């Protein structure tokens, strides 16, 4: 991969794609915890590379627990697989020195794109306070990076159905505006299953002056147990008809996968037809569902 492509900015990709109406497709992975997981991720990357994503991203564990592995995998994806990669970075638990060190490491590795996040609060510390020179919110992290290292392209997260800690959708939206005003160049959404929530969210964003690309994040259901996790941990509503259909085939893996993929393909088509700038796939380090959806969309 040429150094020019490695250093390409994701914000520029969305800008260029918008001029031609081409959707941007991207994949998200997490650093595996063991050798078996590493082997699976390598196999997944080999398969998904053939689908030519515009970029991929690698998540960052709570409290920076996967810091080194995130950097390792982002570098490997760019250097070994030739795909533009973005590193996630969460500021909870990090001092300003920690942030500066991570930025320096990313830059030295040829990485120019960062998904800038607050991160989850420590579950064992309900009264958590950031380090004296650290950051409590993503907009503070974004502002710091933009001021000190303007050569990075920064993305941010958004929540069509409201961040679970926000007291209201309006407060959540004002917080999101702070991220964009601080320097976020594009936004990737939390997963959702009701497209009207996304389209209404985008309209509300535009109404208050958020003009950056708002990319829907999609995660196909691969087992019935995910439904409860999605609705509780992710705070997203599931279509009643879909839950009922999947419930009928909860123990039939092939039937459940078929129904889920049919729904995801329809959902993605409606999103793209409605003006979404692309689709960001939460892959769970697996390739089948993402490849199947992409083949149908293309």
Foldseek 3Di string as FASTA:
>chain_A
DDLVLQLDAVLVVLVVCVVVLHFAEEEEEEQDDDPVLVVLLVVQLVVCLVVPHQAYEYEADALRPCVVSRLVVQLCCCPVSVGHYEYEDAFANHAPVRLVVSVVSCVVSSHQEYAQFNGDDPPVCPPDDYPPRTDRGSLVVLLVCCVPPVSHAYAYEAELQADPPDPDPVSRLVSVVSNVVSHHQEYEYQAEQDVVSVVVSVVVNVVVPNDHAYAYEHEFDQALVVVVVCCPVVVYDDPPVLNVLCVVCRPPRVSNLVSRLVSRLVSQVVCSVVPHNHYYYHQHSHRDSVVVSSVSVD
